[in-house]
Amino acid sequence: MTVTEKNGRLEILFDAGNGKTRREGLTGVKPAAADQDIYDVASGIANLISDTLVDIQLRSVKSYSA
């Protein structure tokens, strides 16, 4: 079996008030990107936005073939 990991999506969740969250995303995150680098980029973006940061998530995509 061959596993191919494709570029992922960085999702940054913010508190939008009234118990709701707002999600901002950035696509094209390379699978080899270091966790600390991903966190630093997401934190930098969050610091430019006035809403409160709730969570940072990385969505990855893997392809499996025989």
N, C-alpha and C. Protein backbone atom coordinates (compact mmCIF):
# COMPACT_ATOMS: atom_id res chain seq x y z
N MET A 1 0.85 -1.18 0.00
CA MET A 1 0.00 0.00 0.00
C MET A 1 0.89 1.24 0.00
N THR A 2 0.49 2.22 -0.78
CA THR A 2 1.19 3.49 -0.85
C THR A 2 0.31 4.58 -0.25
N VAL A 3 0.90 5.37 0.64
CA VAL A 3 0.18 6.47 1.26
C VAL A 3 0.81 7.77 0.77
N THR A 4 -0.02 8.64 0.21
CA THR A 4 0.43 9.95 -0.25
C THR A 4 -0.29 11.01 0.56
N GLU A 5 0.50 11.85 1.22
CA GLU A 5 -0.11 12.93 2.01
C GLU A 5 -0.11 14.20 1.17
N LYS A 6 -1.26 14.82 1.06
CA LYS A 6 -1.42 16.03 0.25
C LYS A 6 -1.40 17.26 1.14
N ASN A 7 -1.33 18.43 0.51
CA ASN A 7 -1.35 19.67 1.28
C ASN A 7 -2.60 19.75 2.14
N GLY A 8 -2.45 20.31 3.33
CA GLY A 8 -3.55 20.39 4.28
C GLY A 8 -4.17 21.78 4.34
N ARG A 9 -5.07 21.93 5.29
CA ARG A 9 -5.79 23.19 5.49
C ARG A 9 -5.66 23.59 6.96
N LEU A 10 -5.18 24.79 7.20
CA LEU A 10 -5.07 25.34 8.54
C LEU A 10 -6.36 26.08 8.85
N GLU A 11 -7.01 25.72 9.96
CA GLU A 11 -8.24 26.37 10.36
C GLU A 11 -8.05 27.04 11.71
N ILE A 12 -8.44 28.30 11.79
CA ILE A 12 -8.30 29.08 13.01
C ILE A 12 -9.71 29.46 13.45
N LEU A 13 -10.08 29.07 14.67
CA LEU A 13 -11.41 29.33 15.18
C LEU A 13 -11.37 30.50 16.16
N PHE A 14 -12.35 31.40 16.00
CA PHE A 14 -12.46 32.58 16.85
C PHE A 14 -13.81 32.61 17.54
N ASP A 15 -13.85 33.23 18.71
CA ASP A 15 -15.11 33.46 19.41
C ASP A 15 -15.80 34.65 18.75
N ALA A 16 -16.97 34.41 18.17
CA ALA A 16 -17.70 35.47 17.47
C ALA A 16 -18.76 36.10 18.36
N GLY A 17 -18.84 35.68 19.61
CA GLY A 17 -19.84 36.22 20.54
C GLY A 17 -21.14 35.44 20.45
N ASN A 18 -21.97 35.61 21.45
CA ASN A 18 -23.28 34.94 21.51
C ASN A 18 -23.17 33.42 21.40
N GLY A 19 -22.07 32.84 21.92
CA GLY A 19 -21.90 31.40 21.89
C GLY A 19 -21.56 30.82 20.53
N LYS A 20 -21.20 31.66 19.58
CA LYS A 20 -20.89 31.20 18.23
C LYS A 20 -19.39 31.33 17.97
N THR A 21 -18.90 30.50 17.06
CA THR A 21 -17.51 30.61 16.64
C THR A 21 -17.45 30.96 15.15
N ARG A 22 -16.34 31.55 14.79
CA ARG A 22 -16.10 31.91 13.40
C ARG A 22 -14.82 31.21 12.98
N ARG A 23 -14.79 30.68 11.76
CA ARG A 23 -13.66 29.89 11.27
C ARG A 23 -13.01 30.60 10.09
N GLU A 24 -11.70 30.76 10.17
CA GLU A 24 -10.92 31.29 9.05
C GLU A 24 -9.97 30.18 8.61
N GLY A 25 -9.72 30.06 7.32
CA GLY A 25 -8.87 28.98 6.84
C GLY A 25 -7.78 29.43 5.89
N LEU A 26 -6.75 28.61 5.84
CA LEU A 26 -5.62 28.84 4.95
C LEU A 26 -5.27 27.50 4.33
N THR A 27 -5.34 27.39 3.02
CA THR A 27 -5.07 26.12 2.34
C THR A 27 -3.63 26.05 1.86
N GLY A 28 -3.22 24.85 1.51
CA GLY A 28 -1.89 24.65 0.93
C GLY A 28 -0.79 24.43 1.94
N VAL A 29 -1.12 24.00 3.16
CA VAL A 29 -0.10 23.75 4.17
C VAL A 29 0.61 22.44 3.82
N LYS A 30 1.91 22.50 3.66
CA LYS A 30 2.69 21.33 3.26
C LYS A 30 2.74 20.30 4.39
N PRO A 31 2.66 19.01 4.04
CA PRO A 31 2.70 17.96 5.06
C PRO A 31 3.97 17.98 5.90
N ALA A 32 5.07 18.47 5.34
CA ALA A 32 6.35 18.48 6.06
C ALA A 32 6.50 19.69 6.99
N ALA A 33 5.51 20.57 7.02
CA ALA A 33 5.59 21.76 7.87
C ALA A 33 5.67 21.35 9.34
N ALA A 34 6.55 21.98 10.07
CA ALA A 34 6.73 21.67 11.49
C ALA A 34 5.54 22.21 12.30
N ASP A 35 5.16 21.48 13.34
CA ASP A 35 4.04 21.90 14.18
C ASP A 35 4.24 23.29 14.75
N GLN A 36 5.46 23.60 15.19
CA GLN A 36 5.73 24.91 15.76
C GLN A 36 5.56 26.01 14.72
N ASP A 37 5.97 25.76 13.49
CA ASP A 37 5.80 26.74 12.41
C ASP A 37 4.32 26.99 12.13
N ILE A 38 3.54 25.92 12.10
CA ILE A 38 2.10 26.06 11.87
C ILE A 38 1.46 26.87 12.98
N TYR A 39 1.83 26.57 14.22
CA TYR A 39 1.30 27.31 15.37
C TYR A 39 1.70 28.78 15.30
N ASP A 40 2.95 29.05 14.97
CA ASP A 40 3.43 30.44 14.89
C ASP A 40 2.68 31.24 13.84
N VAL A 41 2.44 30.64 12.67
CA VAL A 41 1.69 31.32 11.61
C VAL A 41 0.26 31.59 12.06
N ALA A 42 -0.39 30.58 12.62
CA ALA A 42 -1.78 30.75 13.08
C ALA A 42 -1.88 31.80 14.17
N SER A 43 -0.94 31.80 15.10
CA SER A 43 -0.94 32.79 16.18
C SER A 43 -0.71 34.19 15.63
N GLY A 44 0.18 34.31 14.64
CA GLY A 44 0.44 35.61 14.03
C GLY A 44 -0.80 36.16 13.34
N ILE A 45 -1.51 35.30 12.63
CA ILE A 45 -2.75 35.72 11.98
C ILE A 45 -3.79 36.10 13.02
N ALA A 46 -3.91 35.29 14.07
CA ALA A 46 -4.90 35.56 15.13
C ALA A 46 -4.63 36.90 15.81
N ASN A 47 -3.37 37.28 15.94
CA ASN A 47 -3.02 38.56 16.58
C ASN A 47 -3.44 39.76 15.74
N LEU A 48 -3.68 39.54 14.45
CA LEU A 48 -4.12 40.63 13.58
C LEU A 48 -5.64 40.81 13.57
N ILE A 49 -6.34 39.88 14.20
CA ILE A 49 -7.80 39.89 14.21
C ILE A 49 -8.28 40.19 15.62
N SER A 50 -9.31 41.00 15.74
CA SER A 50 -9.76 41.46 17.06
C SER A 50 -10.55 40.41 17.85
N ASP A 51 -11.06 39.36 17.19
CA ASP A 51 -11.81 38.32 17.90
C ASP A 51 -10.86 37.45 18.72
N THR A 52 -11.40 36.81 19.77
CA THR A 52 -10.60 35.95 20.65
C THR A 52 -10.35 34.60 20.00
N LEU A 53 -9.09 34.17 20.02
CA LEU A 53 -8.70 32.87 19.47
C LEU A 53 -9.26 31.75 20.34
N VAL A 54 -9.90 30.76 19.71
CA VAL A 54 -10.47 29.61 20.42
C VAL A 54 -9.64 28.36 20.17
N ASP A 55 -9.27 28.10 18.92
CA ASP A 55 -8.59 26.86 18.59
C ASP A 55 -7.86 26.98 17.26
N ILE A 56 -6.81 26.17 17.10
CA ILE A 56 -6.07 26.06 15.85
C ILE A 56 -6.12 24.59 15.44
N GLN A 57 -6.50 24.33 14.20
CA GLN A 57 -6.62 22.95 13.72
C GLN A 57 -5.95 22.81 12.36
N LEU A 58 -5.31 21.67 12.13
CA LEU A 58 -4.75 21.35 10.84
C LEU A 58 -5.48 20.15 10.29
N ARG A 59 -6.10 20.33 9.15
CA ARG A 59 -6.81 19.24 8.46
C ARG A 59 -5.88 18.70 7.39
N SER A 60 -5.55 17.41 7.48
CA SER A 60 -4.67 16.83 6.47
C SER A 60 -5.44 15.84 5.62
N VAL A 61 -4.90 15.60 4.42
CA VAL A 61 -5.55 14.69 3.48
C VAL A 61 -4.52 13.63 3.07
N LYS A 62 -4.91 12.36 3.20
CA LYS A 62 -4.04 11.25 2.80
C LYS A 62 -4.76 10.43 1.75
N SER A 63 -3.98 9.95 0.77
CA SER A 63 -4.51 9.12 -0.30
C SER A 63 -3.88 7.73 -0.16
N TYR A 64 -4.69 6.70 -0.14
CA TYR A 64 -4.20 5.33 0.01
C TYR A 64 -4.43 4.56 -1.29
N SER A 65 -3.39 3.90 -1.79
CA SER A 65 -3.55 3.09 -2.99
C SER A 65 -2.76 1.79 -2.84
N ALA A 66 -3.23 0.77 -3.52
CA ALA A 66 -2.58 -0.55 -3.42
C ALA A 66 -1.40 -0.65 -4.33
